């Protein structure tokens, strides 16, 4: 993963996606998470990928915090569960946790 920041804008992209993600259409540079940070609070959009819907990620709203030590982002959100690209009407919670190595 690679985090790119510009002012308050944050974008998390895949650098070397695993094979299972590649089968779901994820390539180097594919966006997983993007949004804005204000006073340590993150608000944005995350994506889920499926081999049944390659190239059509499921987007959902997330919010959370950016921490300094260790430098990390933790966000939570709820997405609609899909069954082979079809919405089911069920919602499920999700948490994404990223801990970064600076200047790698």
PDB file of N, CA and C in Angstrom:
ATOM      1  N   UNK A   1       0.840  -1.166   0.000  1.00  0.00           N
ATOM      2  CA  UNK A   1       0.000   0.000   0.000  1.00  0.00           C
ATOM      3  C   UNK A   1       0.890   1.235   0.000  1.00  0.00           C
ATOM      4  N   UNK A   2       0.376   2.293  -0.609  1.00  0.00           N
ATOM      5  CA  UNK A   2       1.098   3.565  -0.612  1.00  0.00           C
ATOM      6  C   UNK A   2       0.098   4.672  -0.301  1.00  0.00           C
ATOM      7  N   UNK A   3       0.447   5.500   0.683  1.00  0.00           N
ATOM      8  CA  UNK A   3      -0.374   6.638   1.044  1.00  0.00           C
ATOM      9  C   UNK A   3       0.168   7.873   0.345  1.00  0.00           C
ATOM     10  N   UNK A   4      -0.722   8.598  -0.331  1.00  0.00           N
ATOM     11  CA  UNK A   4      -0.354   9.858  -0.964  1.00  0.00           C
ATOM     12  C   UNK A   4      -1.188  10.948  -0.306  1.00  0.00           C
ATOM     13  N   UNK A   5      -0.522  12.021   0.116  1.00  0.00           N
ATOM     14  CA  UNK A   5      -1.234  13.131   0.744  1.00  0.00           C
ATOM     15  C   UNK A   5      -0.951  14.414  -0.019  1.00  0.00           C
ATOM     16  N   UNK A   6      -1.957  15.252  -0.039  1.00  0.00           N
ATOM     17  CA  UNK A   6      -1.814  16.602  -0.601  1.00  0.00           C
ATOM     18  C   UNK A   6      -2.714  17.500   0.228  1.00  0.00           C
ATOM     19  N   UNK A   7      -2.096  18.251   1.127  1.00  0.00           N
ATOM     20  CA  UNK A   7      -2.883  19.051   2.055  1.00  0.00           C
ATOM     21  C   UNK A   7      -3.706  18.126   2.940  1.00  0.00           C
ATOM     22  N   UNK A   8      -5.010  18.318   2.945  1.00  0.00           N
ATOM     23  CA  UNK A   8      -5.892  17.486   3.774  1.00  0.00           C
ATOM     24  C   UNK A   8      -6.413  16.258   3.031  1.00  0.00           C
ATOM     25  N   UNK A   9      -6.054  16.115   1.755  1.00  0.00           N
ATOM     26  CA  UNK A   9      -6.516  14.995   0.936  1.00  0.00           C
ATOM     27  C   UNK A   9      -5.581  13.786   1.083  1.00  0.00           C
ATOM     28  N   UNK A  10      -6.177  12.615   1.361  1.00  0.00           N
ATOM     29  CA  UNK A  10      -5.424  11.367   1.518  1.00  0.00           C
ATOM     30  C   UNK A  10      -5.937  10.345   0.508  1.00  0.00           C
ATOM     31  N   UNK A  11      -5.015   9.640  -0.141  1.00  0.00           N
ATOM     32  CA  UNK A  11      -5.377   8.570  -1.071  1.00  0.00           C
ATOM     33  C   UNK A  11      -4.476   7.368  -0.794  1.00  0.00           C
ATOM     34  N   UNK A  12      -5.097   6.209  -0.552  1.00  0.00           N
ATOM     35  CA  UNK A  12      -4.376   4.957  -0.314  1.00  0.00           C
ATOM     36  C   UNK A  12      -4.507   4.092  -1.565  1.00  0.00           C
ATOM     37  N   UNK A  13      -3.370   3.709  -2.155  1.00  0.00           N
ATOM     38  CA  UNK A  13      -3.356   2.913  -3.388  1.00  0.00           C
ATOM     39  C   UNK A  13      -2.588   1.615  -3.177  1.00  0.00           C
ATOM     40  N   UNK A  14      -2.976   0.612  -3.939  1.00  0.00           N
ATOM     41  CA  UNK A  14      -2.243  -0.657  -3.914  1.00  0.00           C
ATOM     42  C   UNK A  14      -0.923  -0.493  -4.642  1.00  0.00           C
ATOM     43  N   UNK A  15       0.137  -1.017  -4.073  1.00  0.00           N
ATOM     44  CA  UNK A  15       1.466  -1.052  -4.710  1.00  0.00           C
ATOM     45  C   UNK A  15       1.691  -2.416  -5.338  1.00  0.00           C
ATOM     46  N   UNK A  16       1.521  -3.481  -4.572  1.00  0.00           N
ATOM     47  CA  UNK A  16       1.733  -4.844  -5.038  1.00  0.00           C
ATOM     48  C   UNK A  16       0.563  -5.719  -4.572  1.00  0.00           C
ATOM     49  N   UNK A  17      -0.564  -5.661  -5.288  1.00  0.00           N
ATOM     50  CA  UNK A  17      -1.722  -6.451  -4.846  1.00  0.00           C
ATOM     51  C   UNK A  17      -1.464  -7.949  -4.925  1.00  0.00           C
ATOM     52  N   UNK A  18      -2.020  -8.668  -3.949  1.00  0.00           N
ATOM     53  CA  UNK A  18      -1.917 -10.129  -3.943  1.00  0.00           C
ATOM     54  C   UNK A  18      -2.692 -10.706  -5.128  1.00  0.00           C
ATOM     55  N   UNK A  19      -2.418 -11.959  -5.456  1.00  0.00           N
ATOM     56  CA  UNK A  19      -3.062 -12.611  -6.595  1.00  0.00           C
ATOM     57  C   UNK A  19      -4.576 -12.621  -6.480  1.00  0.00           C
ATOM     58  N   UNK A  20      -5.119 -12.872  -5.282  1.00  0.00           N
ATOM     59  CA  UNK A  20      -6.567 -12.917  -5.108  1.00  0.00           C
ATOM     60  C   UNK A  20      -7.185 -11.547  -5.438  1.00  0.00           C
ATOM     61  N   UNK A  21      -6.491 -10.476  -5.127  1.00  0.00           N
ATOM     62  CA  UNK A  21      -6.974  -9.145  -5.463  1.00  0.00           C
ATOM     63  C   UNK A  21      -6.838  -8.860  -6.952  1.00  0.00           C
ATOM     64  N   UNK A  22      -5.782  -9.360  -7.549  1.00  0.00           N
ATOM     65  CA  UNK A  22      -5.612  -9.186  -9.002  1.00  0.00           C
ATOM     66  C   UNK A  22      -6.773  -9.832  -9.762  1.00  0.00           C
ATOM     67  N   UNK A  23      -7.226 -10.980  -9.282  1.00  0.00           N
ATOM     68  CA  UNK A  23      -8.374 -11.648  -9.922  1.00  0.00           C
ATOM     69  C   UNK A  23      -9.656 -10.830  -9.780  1.00  0.00           C
ATOM     70  N   UNK A  24      -9.667  -9.928  -8.807  1.00  0.00           N
ATOM     71  CA  UNK A  24     -10.821  -9.052  -8.607  1.00  0.00           C
ATOM     72  C   UNK A  24     -10.656  -7.725  -9.346  1.00  0.00           C
ATOM     73  N   UNK A  25      -9.610  -7.607 -10.159  1.00  0.00           N
ATOM     74  CA  UNK A  25      -9.402  -6.411 -10.966  1.00  0.00           C
ATOM     75  C   UNK A  25      -8.495  -5.365 -10.358  1.00  0.00           C
ATOM     76  N   UNK A  26      -7.877  -5.664  -9.218  1.00  0.00           N
ATOM     77  CA  UNK A  26      -6.987  -4.703  -8.556  1.00  0.00           C
ATOM     78  C   UNK A  26      -5.614  -4.740  -9.232  1.00  0.00           C
ATOM     79  N   UNK A  27      -5.118  -3.567  -9.554  1.00  0.00           N
ATOM     80  CA  UNK A  27      -3.803  -3.415 -10.168  1.00  0.00           C
ATOM     81  C   UNK A  27      -2.990  -2.409  -9.353  1.00  0.00           C
ATOM     82  N   UNK A  28      -1.729  -2.314  -9.660  1.00  0.00           N
ATOM     83  CA  UNK A  28      -0.901  -1.285  -9.021  1.00  0.00           C
ATOM     84  C   UNK A  28      -1.531   0.075  -9.315  1.00  0.00           C
ATOM     85  N   UNK A  29      -1.734   0.853  -8.263  1.00  0.00           N
ATOM     86  CA  UNK A  29      -2.336   2.174  -8.403  1.00  0.00           C
ATOM     87  C   UNK A  29      -3.835   2.216  -8.142  1.00  0.00           C
ATOM     88  N   UNK A  30      -4.476   1.046  -8.019  1.00  0.00           N
ATOM     89  CA  UNK A  30      -5.908   1.013  -7.719  1.00  0.00           C
ATOM     90  C   UNK A  30      -6.149   1.631  -6.338  1.00  0.00           C
ATOM     91  N   UNK A  31      -7.145   2.487  -6.238  1.00  0.00           N
ATOM     92  CA  UNK A  31      -7.445   3.178  -4.986  1.00  0.00           C
ATOM     93  C   UNK A  31      -8.274   2.276  -4.074  1.00  0.00           C
ATOM     94  N   UNK A  32      -7.818   2.128  -2.828  1.00  0.00           N
ATOM     95  CA  UNK A  32      -8.563   1.412  -1.798  1.00  0.00           C
ATOM     96  C   UNK A  32      -9.342   2.388  -0.926  1.00  0.00           C
ATOM     97  N   UNK A  33      -8.737   3.526  -0.608  1.00  0.00           N
ATOM     98  CA  UNK A  33      -9.311   4.453   0.347  1.00  0.00           C
ATOM     99  C   UNK A  33      -8.937   5.868  -0.064  1.00  0.00           C
ATOM    100  N   UNK A  34      -9.898   6.780  -0.014  1.00  0.00           N
ATOM    101  CA  UNK A  34      -9.567   8.180  -0.231  1.00  0.00           C
ATOM    102  C   UNK A  34     -10.509   9.043   0.592  1.00  0.00           C
ATOM    103  N   UNK A  35     -10.033  10.221   0.959  1.00  0.00           N
ATOM    104  CA  UNK A  35     -10.843  11.123   1.759  1.00  0.00           C
ATOM    105  C   UNK A  35     -10.032  12.302   2.242  1.00  0.00           C
ATOM    106  N   UNK A  36     -10.561  12.932   3.268  1.00  0.00           N
ATOM    107  CA  UNK A  36      -9.937  14.130   3.809  1.00  0.00           C
ATOM    108  C   UNK A  36      -9.741  14.005   5.308  1.00  0.00           C
ATOM    109  N   UNK A  37      -8.710  14.700   5.794  1.00  0.00           N
ATOM    110  CA  UNK A  37      -8.392  14.715   7.214  1.00  0.00           C
ATOM    111  C   UNK A  37      -8.528  16.142   7.723  1.00  0.00           C
ATOM    112  N   UNK A  38      -9.206  16.275   8.867  1.00  0.00           N
ATOM    113  CA  UNK A  38      -9.340  17.564   9.519  1.00  0.00           C
ATOM    114  C   UNK A  38      -9.200  17.338  11.021  1.00  0.00           C
ATOM    115  N   UNK A  39      -8.198  17.981  11.620  1.00  0.00           N
ATOM    116  CA  UNK A  39      -7.944  17.854  13.066  1.00  0.00           C
ATOM    117  C   UNK A  39      -7.837  16.389  13.501  1.00  0.00           C
ATOM    118  N   UNK A  40      -7.202  15.560  12.688  1.00  0.00           N
ATOM    119  CA  UNK A  40      -6.991  14.158  13.029  1.00  0.00           C
ATOM    120  C   UNK A  40      -8.146  13.237  12.713  1.00  0.00           C
ATOM    121  N   UNK A  41      -9.269  13.786  12.246  1.00  0.00           N
ATOM    122  CA  UNK A  41     -10.425  12.964  11.873  1.00  0.00           C
ATOM    123  C   UNK A  41     -10.437  12.718  10.365  1.00  0.00           C
ATOM    124  N   UNK A  42     -10.637  11.455   9.996  1.00  0.00           N
ATOM    125  CA  UNK A  42     -10.673  11.068   8.590  1.00  0.00           C
ATOM    126  C   UNK A  42     -12.121  10.823   8.176  1.00  0.00           C
ATOM    127  N   UNK A  43     -12.488  11.268   6.978  1.00  0.00           N
ATOM    128  CA  UNK A  43     -13.805  11.008   6.409  1.00  0.00           C
ATOM    129  C   UNK A  43     -13.609  10.765   4.919  1.00  0.00           C
ATOM    130  N   UNK A  44     -14.150   9.632   4.413  1.00  0.00           N
ATOM    131  CA  UNK A  44     -13.953   9.355   3.006  1.00  0.00           C
ATOM    132  C   UNK A  44     -14.688   8.125   2.522  1.00  0.00           C
ATOM    133  N   UNK A  45     -14.118   7.502   1.499  1.00  0.00           N
ATOM    134  CA  UNK A  45     -14.719   6.361   0.821  1.00  0.00           C
ATOM    135  C   UNK A  45     -13.704   5.224   0.759  1.00  0.00           C
ATOM    136  N   UNK A  46     -14.154   4.021   1.123  1.00  0.00           N
ATOM    137  CA  UNK A  46     -13.343   2.806   0.972  1.00  0.00           C
ATOM    138  C   UNK A  46     -13.973   1.949  -0.116  1.00  0.00           C
ATOM    139  N   UNK A  47     -13.217   0.969  -0.592  1.00  0.00           N
ATOM    140  CA  UNK A  47     -13.694   0.090  -1.652  1.00  0.00           C
ATOM    141  C   UNK A  47     -13.436  -1.362  -1.286  1.00  0.00           C
ATOM    142  N   UNK A  48     -14.398  -2.221  -1.652  1.00  0.00           N
ATOM    143  CA  UNK A  48     -14.256  -3.674  -1.524  1.00  0.00           C
ATOM    144  C   UNK A  48     -14.245  -4.235  -2.934  1.00  0.00           C
ATOM    145  N   UNK A  49     -13.419  -5.251  -3.128  1.00  0.00           N
ATOM    146  CA  UNK A  49     -13.247  -5.835  -4.453  1.00  0.00           C
ATOM    147  C   UNK A  49     -13.685  -7.295  -4.446  1.00  0.00           C
ATOM    148  N   UNK A  50     -14.247  -7.745  -5.569  1.00  0.00           N
ATOM    149  CA  UNK A  50     -14.741  -9.115  -5.670  1.00  0.00           C
ATOM    150  C   UNK A  50     -14.376  -9.707  -7.019  1.00  0.00           C
ATOM    151  N   UNK A  51     -14.031 -10.983  -7.001  1.00  0.00           N
ATOM    152  CA  UNK A  51     -13.721 -11.660  -8.268  1.00  0.00           C
ATOM    153  C   UNK A  51     -14.964 -11.797  -9.139  1.00  0.00           C
ATOM    154  N   UNK A  52     -16.151 -11.693  -8.526  1.00  0.00           N
ATOM    155  CA  UNK A  52     -17.396 -11.788  -9.291  1.00  0.00           C
ATOM    156  C   UNK A  52     -17.719 -10.484 -10.013  1.00  0.00           C
ATOM    157  N   UNK A  53     -17.117  -9.396  -9.580  1.00  0.00           N
ATOM    158  CA  UNK A  53     -17.364  -8.072 -10.169  1.00  0.00           C
ATOM    159  C   UNK A  53     -16.040  -7.381 -10.460  1.00  0.00           C
ATOM    160  N   UNK A  54     -15.145  -8.000 -11.222  1.00  0.00           N
ATOM    161  CA  UNK A  54     -13.827  -7.382 -11.438  1.00  0.00           C
ATOM    162  C   UNK A  54     -13.961  -6.002 -12.076  1.00  0.00           C
ATOM    163  N   UNK A  55     -13.226  -5.067 -11.516  1.00  0.00           N
ATOM    164  CA  UNK A  55     -13.245  -3.710 -12.053  1.00  0.00           C
ATOM    165  C   UNK A  55     -14.433  -2.880 -11.590  1.00  0.00           C
ATOM    166  N   UNK A  56     -15.296  -3.440 -10.739  1.00  0.00           N
ATOM    167  CA  UNK A  56     -16.454  -2.713 -10.220  1.00  0.00           C
ATOM    168  C   UNK A  56     -16.461  -2.771  -8.692  1.00  0.00           C
ATOM    169  N   UNK A  57     -15.588  -2.020  -8.044  1.00  0.00           N
ATOM    170  CA  UNK A  57     -15.525  -2.094  -6.586  1.00  0.00           C
ATOM    171  C   UNK A  57     -16.798  -1.551  -5.937  1.00  0.00           C
ATOM    172  N   UNK A  58     -17.110  -2.104  -4.789  1.00  0.00           N
ATOM    173  CA  UNK A  58     -18.216  -1.631  -3.970  1.00  0.00           C
ATOM    174  C   UNK A  58     -17.682  -0.502  -3.103  1.00  0.00           C
ATOM    175  N   UNK A  59     -18.232   0.692  -3.245  1.00  0.00           N
ATOM    176  CA  UNK A  59     -17.779   1.844  -2.471  1.00  0.00           C
ATOM    177  C   UNK A  59     -18.702   2.064  -1.280  1.00  0.00           C
ATOM    178  N   UNK A  60     -18.109   2.475  -0.156  1.00  0.00           N
ATOM    179  CA  UNK A  60     -18.894   2.774   1.031  1.00  0.00           C
ATOM    180  C   UNK A  60     -18.190   3.832   1.873  1.00  0.00           C
ATOM    181  N   UNK A  61     -18.975   4.598   2.625  1.00  0.00           N
ATOM    182  CA  UNK A  61     -18.460   5.683   3.450  1.00  0.00           C
ATOM    183  C   UNK A  61     -17.751   5.133   4.694  1.00  0.00           C
ATOM    184  N   UNK A  62     -16.647   5.774   5.040  1.00  0.00           N
ATOM    185  CA  UNK A  62     -15.907   5.423   6.247  1.00  0.00           C
ATOM    186  C   UNK A  62     -15.505   6.699   6.979  1.00  0.00           C
ATOM    187  N   UNK A  63     -15.251   6.545   8.269  1.00  0.00           N
ATOM    188  CA  UNK A  63     -14.717   7.654   9.061  1.00  0.00           C
ATOM    189  C   UNK A  63     -13.858   7.070  10.169  1.00  0.00           C
ATOM    190  N   UNK A  64     -12.966   7.890  10.667  1.00  0.00           N
ATOM    191  CA  UNK A  64     -12.075   7.409  11.712  1.00  0.00           C
ATOM    192  C   UNK A  64     -11.055   8.451  12.095  1.00  0.00           C
ATOM    193  N   UNK A  65      -9.876   7.965  12.503  1.00  0.00           N
ATOM    194  CA  UNK A  65      -8.832   8.837  13.020  1.00  0.00           C
ATOM    195  C   UNK A  65      -7.491   8.572  12.346  1.00  0.00           C
ATOM    196  N   UNK A  66      -6.661   9.600  12.345  1.00  0.00           N
ATOM    197  CA  UNK A  66      -5.259   9.499  11.938  1.00  0.00           C
ATOM    198  C   UNK A  66      -4.443   9.720  13.201  1.00  0.00           C
ATOM    199  N   UNK A  67      -3.531   8.796  13.478  1.00  0.00           N
ATOM    200  CA  UNK A  67      -2.717   8.843  14.696  1.00  0.00           C
ATOM    201  C   UNK A  67      -1.260   9.096  14.329  1.00  0.00           C
ATOM    202  N   UNK A  68      -0.529   9.713  15.273  1.00  0.00           N
ATOM    203  CA  UNK A  68       0.872  10.056  15.014  1.00  0.00           C
ATOM    204  C   UNK A  68       1.864   8.980  15.422  1.00  0.00           C
ATOM    205  N   UNK A  69       1.635   8.279  16.511  1.00  0.00           N
ATOM    206  CA  UNK A  69       2.667   7.372  17.011  1.00  0.00           C
ATOM    207  C   UNK A  69       2.058   6.058  17.491  1.00  0.00           C
ATOM    208  N   UNK A  70       2.173   4.972  16.738  1.00  0.00           N
ATOM    209  CA  UNK A  70       2.764   4.929  15.412  1.00  0.00           C
ATOM    210  C   UNK A  70       1.822   5.576  14.396  1.00  0.00           C
ATOM    211  N   UNK A  71       2.391   6.074  13.314  1.00  0.00           N
ATOM    212  CA  UNK A  71       1.593   6.738  12.285  1.00  0.00           C
ATOM    213  C   UNK A  71       0.619   5.713  11.709  1.00  0.00           C
ATOM    214  N   UNK A  72      -0.667   5.956  11.905  1.00  0.00           N
ATOM    215  CA  UNK A  72      -1.667   4.985  11.467  1.00  0.00           C
ATOM    216  C   UNK A  72      -2.986   5.667  11.158  1.00  0.00           C
ATOM    217  N   UNK A  73      -3.812   4.965  10.402  1.00  0.00           N
ATOM    218  CA  UNK A  73      -5.173   5.392  10.088  1.00  0.00           C
ATOM    219  C   UNK A  73      -6.081   4.223  10.441  1.00  0.00           C
ATOM    220  N   UNK A  74      -7.116   4.510  11.205  1.00  0.00           N
ATOM    221  CA  UNK A  74      -8.110   3.490  11.540  1.00  0.00           C
ATOM    222  C   UNK A  74      -9.479   4.058  11.193  1.00  0.00           C
ATOM    223  N   UNK A  75     -10.199   3.369  10.298  1.00  0.00           N
ATOM    224  CA  UNK A  75     -11.517   3.837   9.873  1.00  0.00           C
ATOM    225  C   UNK A  75     -12.541   2.708   9.988  1.00  0.00           C
ATOM    226  N   UNK A  76     -13.774   3.088  10.196  1.00  0.00           N
ATOM    227  CA  UNK A  76     -14.894   2.160  10.276  1.00  0.00           C
ATOM    228  C   UNK A  76     -15.966   2.598   9.291  1.00  0.00           C
ATOM    229  N   UNK A  77     -16.717   1.629   8.797  1.00  0.00           N
ATOM    230  CA  UNK A  77     -17.839   1.919   7.917  1.00  0.00           C
ATOM    231  C   UNK A  77     -18.754   0.725   7.812  1.00  0.00           C
ATOM    232  N   UNK A  78     -19.848   0.901   7.095  1.00  0.00           N
ATOM    233  CA  UNK A  78     -20.804  -0.181   6.857  1.00  0.00           C
ATOM    234  C   UNK A  78     -21.056  -0.253   5.355  1.00  0.00           C
ATOM    235  N   UNK A  79     -21.049  -1.465   4.851  1.00  0.00           N
ATOM    236  CA  UNK A  79     -21.288  -1.671   3.420  1.00  0.00           C
ATOM    237  C   UNK A  79     -22.425  -2.672   3.238  1.00  0.00           C
ATOM    238  N   UNK A  80     -23.060  -2.595   2.071  1.00  0.00           N
ATOM    239  CA  UNK A  80     -24.116  -3.545   1.764  1.00  0.00           C
ATOM    240  C   UNK A  80     -23.490  -4.825   1.220  1.00  0.00           C
ATOM    241  N   UNK A  81     -23.852  -5.958   1.804  1.00  0.00           N
ATOM    242  CA  UNK A  81     -23.347  -7.255   1.369  1.00  0.00           C
ATOM    243  C   UNK A  81     -23.934  -7.558  -0.015  1.00  0.00           C
ATOM    244  N   UNK A  82     -23.072  -8.036  -0.906  1.00  0.00           N
ATOM    245  CA  UNK A  82     -23.501  -8.432  -2.249  1.00  0.00           C
ATOM    246  C   UNK A  82     -23.295  -9.934  -2.417  1.00  0.00           C
ATOM    247  N   UNK A  83     -24.120 -10.538  -3.229  1.00  0.00           N
ATOM    248  CA  UNK A  83     -23.999 -11.944  -3.595  1.00  0.00           C
ATOM    249  C   UNK A  83     -23.797 -11.999  -5.103  1.00  0.00           C
ATOM    250  N   UNK A  84     -22.540 -12.215  -5.501  1.00  0.00           N
ATOM    251  CA  UNK A  84     -22.175 -12.221  -6.925  1.00  0.00           C
ATOM    252  C   UNK A  84     -22.682 -10.973  -7.644  1.00  0.00           C
ATOM    253  N   UNK A  85     -22.325  -9.836  -7.101  1.00  0.00           N
ATOM    254  CA  UNK A  85     -22.622  -8.503  -7.647  1.00  0.00           C
ATOM    255  C   UNK A  85     -24.055  -8.054  -7.437  1.00  0.00           C
ATOM    256  N   UNK A  86     -24.847  -8.818  -6.720  1.00  0.00           N
ATOM    257  CA  UNK A  86     -26.233  -8.419  -6.473  1.00  0.00           C
ATOM    258  C   UNK A  86     -26.389  -8.008  -5.008  1.00  0.00           C
ATOM    259  N   UNK A  87     -26.956  -6.802  -4.776  1.00  0.00           N
ATOM    260  CA  UNK A  87     -27.181  -6.359  -3.397  1.00  0.00           C
ATOM    261  C   UNK A  87     -28.152  -7.287  -2.664  1.00  0.00           C
ATOM    262  N   UNK A  88     -27.871  -7.532  -1.387  1.00  0.00           N
ATOM    263  CA  UNK A  88     -28.719  -8.423  -0.597  1.00  0.00           C
ATOM    264  C   UNK A  88     -29.622  -7.657   0.375  1.00  0.00           C
ATOM    265  N   UNK A  89     -29.341  -6.369   0.592  1.00  0.00           N
ATOM    266  CA  UNK A  89     -30.097  -5.599   1.564  1.00  0.00           C
ATOM    267  C   UNK A  89     -29.524  -5.686   2.973  1.00  0.00           C
ATOM    268  N   UNK A  90     -28.553  -6.576   3.187  1.00  0.00           N
ATOM    269  CA  UNK A  90     -27.905  -6.725   4.492  1.00  0.00           C
ATOM    270  C   UNK A  90     -26.712  -5.787   4.583  1.00  0.00           C
ATOM    271  N   UNK A  91     -26.520  -5.212   5.752  1.00  0.00           N
ATOM    272  CA  UNK A  91     -25.363  -4.356   5.998  1.00  0.00           C
ATOM    273  C   UNK A  91     -24.383  -5.073   6.906  1.00  0.00           C
ATOM    274  N   UNK A  92     -23.114  -4.790   6.694  1.00  0.00           N
ATOM    275  CA  UNK A  92     -22.072  -5.386   7.511  1.00  0.00           C
ATOM    276  C   UNK A  92     -21.061  -4.301   7.865  1.00  0.00           C
ATOM    277  N   UNK A  93     -20.555  -4.349   9.105  1.00  0.00           N
ATOM    278  CA  UNK A  93     -19.545  -3.401   9.537  1.00  0.00           C
ATOM    279  C   UNK A  93     -18.161  -3.804   9.078  1.00  0.00           C
ATOM    280  N   UNK A  94     -17.301  -2.824   8.893  1.00  0.00           N
ATOM    281  CA  UNK A  94     -15.940  -3.076   8.436  1.00  0.00           C
ATOM    282  C   UNK A  94     -15.009  -2.099   9.135  1.00  0.00           C
ATOM    283  N   UNK A  95     -13.818  -2.560   9.462  1.00  0.00           N
ATOM    284  CA  UNK A  95     -12.784  -1.691  10.015  1.00  0.00           C
ATOM    285  C   UNK A  95     -11.504  -1.916   9.223  1.00  0.00           C
ATOM    286  N   UNK A  96     -10.897  -0.818   8.803  1.00  0.00           N
ATOM    287  CA  UNK A  96      -9.608  -0.861   8.106  1.00  0.00           C
ATOM    288  C   UNK A  96      -8.569  -0.213   8.996  1.00  0.00           C
ATOM    289  N   UNK A  97      -7.430  -0.896   9.172  1.00  0.00           N
ATOM    290  CA  UNK A  97      -6.343  -0.411  10.026  1.00  0.00           C
ATOM    291  C   UNK A  97      -5.065  -0.389   9.197  1.00  0.00           C
ATOM    292  N   UNK A  98      -4.436   0.765   9.129  1.00  0.00           N
ATOM    293  CA  UNK A  98      -3.174   0.907   8.388  1.00  0.00           C
ATOM    294  C   UNK A  98      -2.130   1.491   9.341  1.00  0.00           C
ATOM    295  N   UNK A  99      -0.984   0.835   9.432  1.00  0.00           N
ATOM    296  CA  UNK A  99       0.146   1.353  10.199  1.00  0.00           C
ATOM    297  C   UNK A  99       1.290   1.524   9.216  1.00  0.00           C
ATOM    298  N   UNK A 100       1.889   2.694   9.212  1.00  0.00           N
ATOM    299  CA  UNK A 100       2.842   3.053   8.166  1.00  0.00           C
ATOM    300  C   UNK A 100       4.286   3.059   8.625  1.00  0.00           C
ATOM    301  N   UNK A 101       5.156   2.793   7.677  1.00  0.00           N
ATOM    302  CA  UNK A 101       6.595   2.951   7.833  1.00  0.00           C
ATOM    303  C   UNK A 101       6.935   4.216   7.080  1.00  0.00           C
ATOM    304  N   UNK A 102       7.514   5.185   7.746  1.00  0.00           N
ATOM    305  CA  UNK A 102       7.847   6.441   7.075  1.00  0.00           C
ATOM    306  C   UNK A 102       9.106   6.307   6.223  1.00  0.00           C
ATOM    307  N   UNK A 103       9.090   7.020   5.113  1.00  0.00           N
ATOM    308  CA  UNK A 103      10.257   7.103   4.229  1.00  0.00           C
ATOM    309  C   UNK A 103      10.781   5.749   3.798  1.00  0.00           C
ATOM    310  N   UNK A 104       9.902   4.865   3.376  1.00  0.00           N
ATOM    311  CA  UNK A 104      10.372   3.562   2.938  1.00  0.00           C
ATOM    312  C   UNK A 104      10.604   3.557   1.437  1.00  0.00           C
TER     313      UNK A 104
END
